[in-house]
């Protein structure tokens, strides 16, 4: 047992922004959050040197990081590289995303995970299959030859495994039927809406019938129109948990502000980040600070951000004027809600796993903890 002191703590539901507190940790759990003066003198203290301490970030869509892109290579070493990179950035939970690809690639990913099942990264929460059941019209950077209608045989081949490692799947309603959605739910897969061409009414009905979240607001969907409102107003109306990329490139900051005003606590941050990936024609656009994929026709298509979760939080605070505690909630508690793990992680409260990150006033990660163990310490 030990206590973290001399810090400002964020990410508590009952007391959203607190000073002069201590967080007491025993084994893998937080057991108390109280004024420092009430912590027993027999409990060892860890001086956090004035850092801001908050729940570890949870990123629901990471295409690549640190030079590794597991969803493209299906190489376990890439997954480890991604995981280690994000631990140093304060991300204590992430989904490794796979853009639309072949069934063979998905099966290879599953086989690699099964082979290393006893040694998976501590912050790996599973796979996010972004596709392949997406609209060709609104596929964005997804390869046209890979997006397709959902087939029962493919789903069963992927999900009749135990474990199957697929945590979340982005689908377009027009590419999957109700029975297939029910099968995904039966197998414990969370549903997310994205890359779709459906109209306002169909989107509303899908949210009502499936309880899905939304992968990325504004991106991969038709723009709003006053005669044909489309999916964006449907999202504002239904308010499913909805992801947004706060990098100023994928979504302009005024549009994020509008979404935040209308959606409030139903937004969550994620990165949609990529990394240099020659095998897929993905490279960094230095002028705009995002990643692009060069198509066979030579066209460059935006395909991922250069964000970290910490940078997304910083953008919310410094560029959008959000209170720190609110930006923290959007980066930890709300993603946890989207995955249904918000009773275990996402806030600093007794009974929750001790997954947290400490940053200094210069927005540098100093320490990252998972389940009560320091997994990264800045040298």
Protein backbone atom coordinates (compact mmCIF):
# COMPACT_ATOMS: atom_id res chain seq x y z
CA UNK A 1 0.00 0.00 0.00
CA UNK A 2 1.19 3.52 -0.78
CA UNK A 3 -0.25 7.00 -1.29
CA UNK A 4 0.29 9.51 -4.08
CA UNK A 5 0.61 13.02 -2.63
CA UNK A 6 1.67 16.53 -3.68
CA UNK A 7 -0.37 16.45 -6.86
CA UNK A 8 -3.51 17.88 -8.33
CA UNK A 9 -5.93 15.10 -9.12
CA UNK A 10 -8.45 15.07 -11.96
CA UNK A 11 -11.00 12.60 -13.17
CA UNK A 12 -13.20 12.04 -10.14
CA UNK A 13 -16.94 11.91 -10.62
CA UNK A 14 -17.82 13.21 -7.15
CA UNK A 15 -15.19 15.94 -6.98
CA UNK A 16 -14.17 16.77 -10.51
CA UNK A 17 -11.14 18.92 -9.82
CA UNK A 18 -9.31 18.61 -6.51
CA UNK A 19 -6.21 19.80 -4.73
CA UNK A 20 -4.64 18.81 -1.38
CA UNK A 21 -5.78 15.24 -1.83
CA UNK A 22 -4.01 11.94 -1.71
CA UNK A 23 -4.80 8.76 -3.59
CA UNK A 24 -4.18 5.55 -1.65
CA UNK A 25 -3.38 2.46 -3.70
CA UNK A 26 -3.28 -1.15 -2.55
CA UNK A 27 -2.24 -3.88 -4.94
CA UNK A 28 -3.96 -3.02 -8.25
CA UNK A 29 -6.75 -0.80 -6.89
CA UNK A 30 -7.45 2.65 -5.57
CA UNK A 31 -8.70 2.15 -2.02
CA UNK A 32 -9.13 5.74 -0.88
CA UNK A 33 -9.20 9.30 -2.15
CA UNK A 34 -9.07 11.73 0.75
CA UNK A 35 -7.45 14.82 2.13
CA UNK A 36 -3.75 14.18 2.58
CA UNK A 37 -3.97 14.91 6.30
CA UNK A 38 -6.29 11.93 6.77
CA UNK A 39 -3.87 9.38 5.32
CA UNK A 40 -2.29 7.25 8.02
CA UNK A 41 1.34 8.07 8.74
CA UNK A 42 2.15 4.36 8.41
CA UNK A 43 1.34 4.41 4.68
CA UNK A 44 4.38 5.22 2.51
CA UNK A 45 4.00 8.36 0.42
CA UNK A 46 5.08 8.95 -3.18
CA UNK A 47 5.79 12.63 -3.83
CA UNK A 48 4.34 13.45 -7.25
CA UNK A 49 6.19 16.80 -7.29
CA UNK A 50 3.20 18.93 -8.14
CA UNK A 51 2.16 16.92 -11.20
CA UNK A 52 -1.36 16.71 -12.55
CA UNK A 53 -2.51 13.14 -11.99
CA UNK A 54 -5.46 11.77 -13.95
CA UNK A 55 -6.88 8.46 -15.14
CA UNK A 56 -4.85 6.87 -17.91
CA UNK A 57 -6.03 7.73 -21.40
CA UNK A 58 -8.10 5.23 -23.39
CA UNK A 59 -7.78 5.40 -27.18
CA UNK A 60 -10.45 3.49 -29.10
CA UNK A 61 -8.83 3.78 -32.54
CA UNK A 62 -5.08 3.59 -33.01
CA UNK A 63 -3.92 2.59 -36.49
CA UNK A 64 -0.24 2.82 -35.65
CA UNK A 65 2.29 4.36 -33.30
CA UNK A 66 6.05 4.56 -33.01
CA UNK A 67 6.58 2.95 -36.40
CA UNK A 68 4.36 -0.06 -35.73
CA UNK A 69 0.98 -0.68 -37.40
CA UNK A 70 -0.35 -4.04 -36.23
CA UNK A 71 -3.60 -3.62 -38.16
CA UNK A 72 -1.63 -3.49 -41.40
CA UNK A 73 1.23 -5.91 -40.76
CA UNK A 74 -0.37 -8.41 -38.36
CA UNK A 75 3.14 -8.62 -36.86
CA UNK A 76 3.13 -9.00 -33.07
CA UNK A 77 6.32 -6.95 -32.76
CA UNK A 78 4.38 -4.01 -34.19
CA UNK A 79 1.74 -4.38 -31.49
CA UNK A 80 4.43 -4.29 -28.81
CA UNK A 81 5.96 -1.20 -30.39
CA UNK A 82 2.59 0.54 -30.45
CA UNK A 83 1.89 -0.40 -26.83
CA UNK A 84 5.26 0.78 -25.50
CA UNK A 85 5.01 4.04 -27.41
CA UNK A 86 1.63 4.78 -25.90
CA UNK A 87 2.64 3.87 -22.36
CA UNK A 88 5.20 6.67 -22.57
CA UNK A 89 2.34 8.96 -23.65
CA UNK A 90 0.02 8.06 -20.78
CA UNK A 91 -2.33 5.77 -22.72
CA UNK A 92 -3.20 2.88 -20.41
CA UNK A 93 -5.75 1.32 -22.73
CA UNK A 94 -6.01 1.17 -26.52
CA UNK A 95 -7.70 -0.70 -29.32
CA UNK A 96 -5.42 -1.64 -32.20
CA UNK A 97 -7.36 -0.64 -35.28
CA UNK A 98 -7.36 -2.47 -38.57
CA UNK A 99 -8.54 -0.50 -41.61
CA UNK A 100 -10.66 -2.43 -44.11
CA UNK A 101 -8.62 -5.36 -45.36
CA UNK A 102 -8.82 -8.98 -46.43
CA UNK A 103 -10.23 -11.75 -44.29
CA UNK A 104 -6.79 -13.37 -44.40
CA UNK A 105 -5.22 -10.35 -42.72
CA UNK A 106 -7.80 -10.38 -39.90
CA UNK A 107 -7.25 -14.09 -39.31
CA UNK A 108 -3.50 -13.57 -39.23
CA UNK A 109 -3.95 -10.88 -36.57
CA UNK A 110 -6.05 -13.25 -34.48
CA UNK A 111 -3.49 -16.02 -34.85
CA UNK A 112 -0.67 -13.72 -33.74
CA UNK A 113 -2.65 -12.64 -30.68
CA UNK A 114 -3.52 -16.24 -29.81
CA UNK A 115 0.13 -17.24 -30.14
CA UNK A 116 1.17 -14.49 -27.69
CA UNK A 117 -1.95 -14.63 -25.53
CA UNK A 118 -0.02 -15.01 -22.27
CA UNK A 119 2.17 -11.99 -22.99
CA UNK A 120 -0.13 -9.36 -24.47
CA UNK A 121 0.69 -5.72 -23.66
CA UNK A 122 -0.85 -4.47 -20.44
CA UNK A 123 -2.57 -1.58 -22.23
CA UNK A 124 -3.95 -3.63 -25.15
CA UNK A 125 -7.76 -3.80 -24.96
CA UNK A 126 -8.39 -5.69 -28.19
CA UNK A 127 -8.97 -5.05 -31.86
CA UNK A 128 -11.07 -2.40 -33.51
CA UNK A 129 -12.05 -3.53 -36.98
CA UNK A 130 -12.84 -0.27 -38.75
CA UNK A 131 -14.57 -2.00 -41.61
CA UNK A 132 -14.64 -3.80 -43.92
CA UNK A 133 -18.45 -3.43 -43.94
CA UNK A 134 -18.47 0.21 -45.02
CA UNK A 135 -19.99 2.41 -47.71
CA UNK A 136 -17.89 2.65 -50.84
CA UNK A 137 -19.05 6.26 -51.29
CA UNK A 138 -17.92 7.35 -47.83
CA UNK A 139 -15.03 4.94 -47.32
CA UNK A 140 -12.51 7.81 -47.03
CA UNK A 141 -8.98 6.38 -47.12
CA UNK A 142 -10.17 2.76 -46.95
CA UNK A 143 -9.24 0.81 -50.07
CA UNK A 144 -12.21 0.37 -52.38
CA UNK A 145 -11.35 -3.25 -53.12
CA UNK A 146 -11.52 -4.09 -49.41
CA UNK A 147 -14.87 -2.59 -48.38
CA UNK A 148 -17.80 -4.93 -48.88
CA UNK A 149 -21.16 -6.22 -47.67
CA UNK A 150 -21.12 -8.30 -44.52
CA UNK A 151 -21.17 -12.06 -45.04
CA UNK A 152 -22.29 -14.56 -42.41
CA UNK A 153 -19.42 -16.88 -43.28
CA UNK A 154 -16.83 -14.16 -42.59
CA UNK A 155 -18.36 -13.23 -39.25
CA UNK A 156 -18.46 -16.84 -38.07
CA UNK A 157 -14.89 -17.47 -39.16
CA UNK A 158 -13.75 -14.46 -37.13
CA UNK A 159 -15.96 -14.74 -34.07
CA UNK A 160 -16.43 -18.46 -33.48
CA UNK A 161 -12.99 -18.43 -31.88
CA UNK A 162 -12.44 -18.22 -28.15
CA UNK A 163 -11.05 -15.68 -27.64
CA UNK A 164 -11.55 -13.76 -30.87
CA UNK A 165 -9.91 -10.51 -29.59
CA UNK A 166 -12.35 -8.26 -31.50
CA UNK A 167 -13.65 -5.63 -29.08
CA UNK A 168 -15.21 -3.06 -31.40
CA UNK A 169 -16.34 -3.00 -35.02
CA UNK A 170 -17.21 0.04 -37.12
CA UNK A 171 -20.01 -0.74 -39.57
CA UNK A 172 -22.24 1.12 -42.00
CA UNK A 173 -25.91 0.19 -41.45
CA UNK A 174 -26.47 -0.39 -45.17
CA UNK A 175 -23.74 -3.04 -45.23
CA UNK A 176 -24.91 -5.26 -42.38
CA UNK A 177 -28.28 -6.74 -41.39
CA UNK A 178 -30.07 -7.02 -38.06
CA UNK A 179 -29.24 -10.71 -37.60
CA UNK A 180 -25.54 -10.02 -38.12
CA UNK A 181 -25.66 -7.15 -35.63
CA UNK A 182 -27.31 -9.48 -33.12
CA UNK A 183 -24.56 -12.04 -33.69
CA UNK A 184 -21.85 -9.42 -33.06
CA UNK A 185 -23.53 -8.50 -29.79
CA UNK A 186 -23.87 -12.17 -28.83
CA UNK A 187 -20.12 -12.48 -29.27
CA UNK A 188 -19.46 -9.45 -27.08
CA UNK A 189 -18.45 -7.10 -29.88
CA UNK A 190 -19.35 -3.43 -29.43
CA UNK A 191 -20.95 -1.76 -32.45
CA UNK A 192 -19.89 1.62 -33.80
CA UNK A 193 -21.48 3.60 -36.62
CA UNK A 194 -19.24 4.98 -39.35
CA UNK A 195 -18.39 5.45 -43.04
CA UNK A 196 -22.04 5.36 -44.05
CA UNK A 197 -24.27 7.01 -46.64
CA UNK A 198 -27.61 6.51 -44.82
CA UNK A 199 -30.08 9.33 -44.25
CA UNK A 200 -31.22 11.02 -41.05
CA UNK A 201 -34.10 8.64 -40.30
CA UNK A 202 -32.08 5.49 -40.96
CA UNK A 203 -29.27 6.72 -38.71
CA UNK A 204 -31.72 7.51 -35.90
CA UNK A 205 -33.29 4.06 -36.23
CA UNK A 206 -29.87 2.38 -36.18
CA UNK A 207 -28.87 4.17 -32.97
CA UNK A 208 -32.20 3.25 -31.36
CA UNK A 209 -32.09 -0.41 -32.41
CA UNK A 210 -28.41 -1.15 -31.78
CA UNK A 211 -27.31 1.20 -29.00
CA UNK A 212 -24.17 1.79 -31.04
CA UNK A 213 -21.59 4.49 -30.52
CA UNK A 214 -20.22 6.62 -33.37
CA UNK A 215 -16.64 6.17 -34.53
CA UNK A 216 -15.82 9.68 -35.75
CA UNK A 217 -18.16 12.64 -35.88
CA UNK A 218 -18.18 14.53 -39.22
CA UNK A 219 -15.61 12.24 -40.86
CA UNK A 220 -16.75 9.46 -43.18
CA UNK A 221 -20.30 10.81 -43.47
CA UNK A 222 -22.26 13.30 -45.62
CA UNK A 223 -22.15 16.96 -44.64
CA UNK A 224 -25.21 18.61 -43.09
CA UNK A 225 -27.69 20.20 -45.45
CA UNK A 226 -30.76 22.24 -44.57
CA UNK A 227 -33.04 20.16 -46.81
CA UNK A 228 -31.33 16.83 -46.21
CA UNK A 229 -30.03 16.87 -42.64
CA UNK A 230 -28.23 13.55 -42.78
CA UNK A 231 -26.29 11.77 -40.07
CA UNK A 232 -24.73 14.66 -38.15
CA UNK A 233 -28.06 16.10 -36.91
CA UNK A 234 -29.21 12.53 -36.20
CA UNK A 235 -26.18 12.14 -33.94
CA UNK A 236 -26.92 15.46 -32.24
CA UNK A 237 -30.52 14.31 -31.74
CA UNK A 238 -29.88 10.76 -30.48
CA UNK A 239 -26.65 11.57 -28.60
CA UNK A 240 -24.91 8.19 -28.76
CA UNK A 241 -21.40 8.16 -27.36
CA UNK A 242 -19.46 9.74 -30.20
CA UNK A 243 -15.77 10.02 -30.99
CA UNK A 244 -14.14 13.17 -32.34
CA UNK A 245 -10.62 13.82 -33.60
CA UNK A 246 -9.44 17.09 -32.04
CA UNK A 247 -6.45 17.92 -34.22
CA UNK A 248 -7.81 20.91 -36.15
CA UNK A 249 -7.28 19.01 -39.41
CA UNK A 250 -9.77 16.16 -39.42
CA UNK A 251 -12.29 18.46 -37.70
CA UNK A 252 -12.06 22.25 -37.45
CA UNK A 253 -12.10 23.52 -33.88
CA UNK A 254 -15.36 25.50 -34.24
CA UNK A 255 -17.08 22.27 -35.28
CA UNK A 256 -15.72 20.52 -32.19
CA UNK A 257 -17.03 23.38 -30.05
CA UNK A 258 -20.48 23.08 -31.62
CA UNK A 259 -20.50 19.32 -31.03
CA UNK A 260 -19.42 19.78 -27.43
CA UNK A 261 -22.17 22.32 -26.80
CA UNK A 262 -24.78 19.97 -28.23
CA UNK A 263 -23.43 16.60 -27.07
CA UNK A 264 -21.81 17.47 -23.73
CA UNK A 265 -20.74 14.34 -21.88
CA UNK A 266 -21.58 12.06 -24.81
CA UNK A 267 -18.38 12.96 -26.69
CA UNK A 268 -15.11 11.11 -26.35
CA UNK A 269 -11.62 11.80 -27.66
CA UNK A 270 -9.61 9.38 -29.76
CA UNK A 271 -6.62 9.80 -32.02
CA UNK A 272 -7.20 7.87 -35.27
CA UNK A 273 -3.42 8.07 -35.41
CA UNK A 274 -1.22 6.41 -37.98
CA UNK A 275 2.50 5.97 -38.47
CA UNK A 276 4.80 5.76 -41.48
CA UNK A 277 3.64 2.62 -43.33
CA UNK A 278 5.19 2.13 -46.78
CA UNK A 279 3.41 -1.22 -47.22
CA UNK A 280 0.11 0.65 -47.38
CA UNK A 281 1.39 3.80 -49.07
CA UNK A 282 0.97 5.81 -45.86
CA UNK A 283 3.27 8.77 -45.19
CA UNK A 284 3.33 11.85 -42.97
CA UNK A 285 2.25 15.19 -44.42
CA UNK A 286 4.57 17.57 -42.61
CA UNK A 287 2.77 20.68 -43.80
CA UNK A 288 -0.52 19.66 -42.19
CA UNK A 289 0.77 17.23 -39.55
CA UNK A 290 -1.39 14.27 -40.48
CA UNK A 291 -0.95 11.05 -42.45
CA UNK A 292 -1.98 10.45 -46.04
CA UNK A 293 -2.36 7.37 -48.20
CA UNK A 294 -1.35 7.58 -51.82
CA UNK A 295 -3.84 5.70 -54.00
CA UNK A 296 -2.83 3.70 -57.10
CA UNK A 297 -4.05 6.68 -59.15
CA UNK A 298 -1.59 8.94 -57.33
CA UNK A 299 -4.18 10.81 -55.25
CA UNK A 300 -3.35 11.57 -51.62
CA UNK A 301 -6.14 10.88 -49.12
CA UNK A 302 -6.07 11.87 -45.44
CA UNK A 303 -5.97 8.60 -43.50
CA UNK A 304 -4.93 9.33 -39.94
CA UNK A 305 -3.80 11.94 -37.45
CA UNK A 306 -0.47 12.61 -35.80
CA UNK A 307 -2.23 13.06 -32.44
CA UNK A 308 -1.50 11.53 -29.09
CA UNK A 309 -4.27 11.37 -26.50
CA UNK A 310 -2.36 13.88 -24.38
CA UNK A 311 -2.18 16.30 -27.32
CA UNK A 312 -5.93 15.90 -27.86
CA UNK A 313 -6.54 16.78 -24.20
CA UNK A 314 -4.18 19.75 -24.47
CA UNK A 315 -5.98 20.99 -27.58
CA UNK A 316 -9.30 20.83 -25.73
CA UNK A 317 -7.92 22.86 -22.83
CA UNK A 318 -5.74 25.39 -24.61
CA UNK A 319 -7.57 25.86 -27.92
CA UNK A 320 -11.19 25.13 -27.00
CA UNK A 321 -11.17 26.51 -23.45
CA UNK A 322 -12.44 23.33 -21.78
CA UNK A 323 -11.84 22.88 -18.06
CA UNK A 324 -9.11 20.33 -17.49
CA UNK A 325 -11.39 17.94 -15.62
CA UNK A 326 -13.83 17.88 -18.54
CA UNK A 327 -11.13 17.19 -21.15
CA UNK A 328 -9.82 14.40 -18.91
CA UNK A 329 -13.27 12.82 -18.72
CA UNK A 330 -13.52 12.88 -22.52
CA UNK A 331 -10.19 11.04 -22.75
CA UNK A 332 -10.73 8.38 -20.10
CA UNK A 333 -14.18 7.94 -18.56
CA UNK A 334 -16.20 8.39 -21.74
CA UNK A 335 -14.12 5.97 -23.84
CA UNK A 336 -14.45 3.50 -20.97
CA UNK A 337 -18.23 3.97 -21.13
CA UNK A 338 -18.18 3.25 -24.86
CA UNK A 339 -16.49 -0.10 -24.15
CA UNK A 340 -18.61 -0.88 -21.10
CA UNK A 341 -15.59 -0.94 -18.76
CA UNK A 342 -16.42 2.26 -16.85
CA UNK A 343 -16.94 0.36 -13.58
CA UNK A 344 -13.27 -0.65 -13.68
CA UNK A 345 -11.34 2.23 -15.24
CA UNK A 346 -11.72 5.86 -16.25
CA UNK A 347 -11.94 7.74 -12.95
CA UNK A 348 -9.96 8.04 -9.74
CA UNK A 349 -12.32 6.55 -7.18
CA UNK A 350 -12.08 3.78 -4.57
CA UNK A 351 -12.56 0.36 -6.14
CA UNK A 352 -11.23 1.37 -9.56
CA UNK A 353 -8.06 -0.01 -11.09
CA UNK A 354 -5.05 2.19 -10.42
CA UNK A 355 -4.50 3.14 -14.06
CA UNK A 356 -3.22 6.69 -14.20
CA UNK A 357 -0.84 9.17 -15.77
CA UNK A 358 1.08 12.07 -14.22
CA UNK A 359 2.03 15.10 -16.33
CA UNK A 360 3.96 18.25 -15.45
CA UNK A 361 3.04 21.84 -16.21
CA UNK A 362 4.78 21.59 -19.58
CA UNK A 363 2.43 18.78 -20.67
CA UNK A 364 5.13 16.14 -20.43
CA UNK A 365 4.28 12.67 -19.16
CA UNK A 366 6.32 11.93 -16.06
CA UNK A 367 4.88 8.58 -15.01
CA UNK A 368 2.32 6.04 -16.19
CA UNK A 369 0.74 3.40 -13.93
CA UNK A 370 -1.29 0.31 -14.79
CA UNK A 371 -2.93 -1.78 -12.06
CA UNK A 372 -0.80 -0.19 -9.34
CA UNK A 373 2.54 -0.68 -11.11
CA UNK A 374 4.64 2.04 -12.69
CA UNK A 375 5.03 0.97 -16.30
CA UNK A 376 6.75 4.15 -17.50
CA UNK A 377 8.90 6.73 -15.71
CA UNK A 378 10.48 9.65 -17.52
CA UNK A 379 14.25 9.58 -17.18
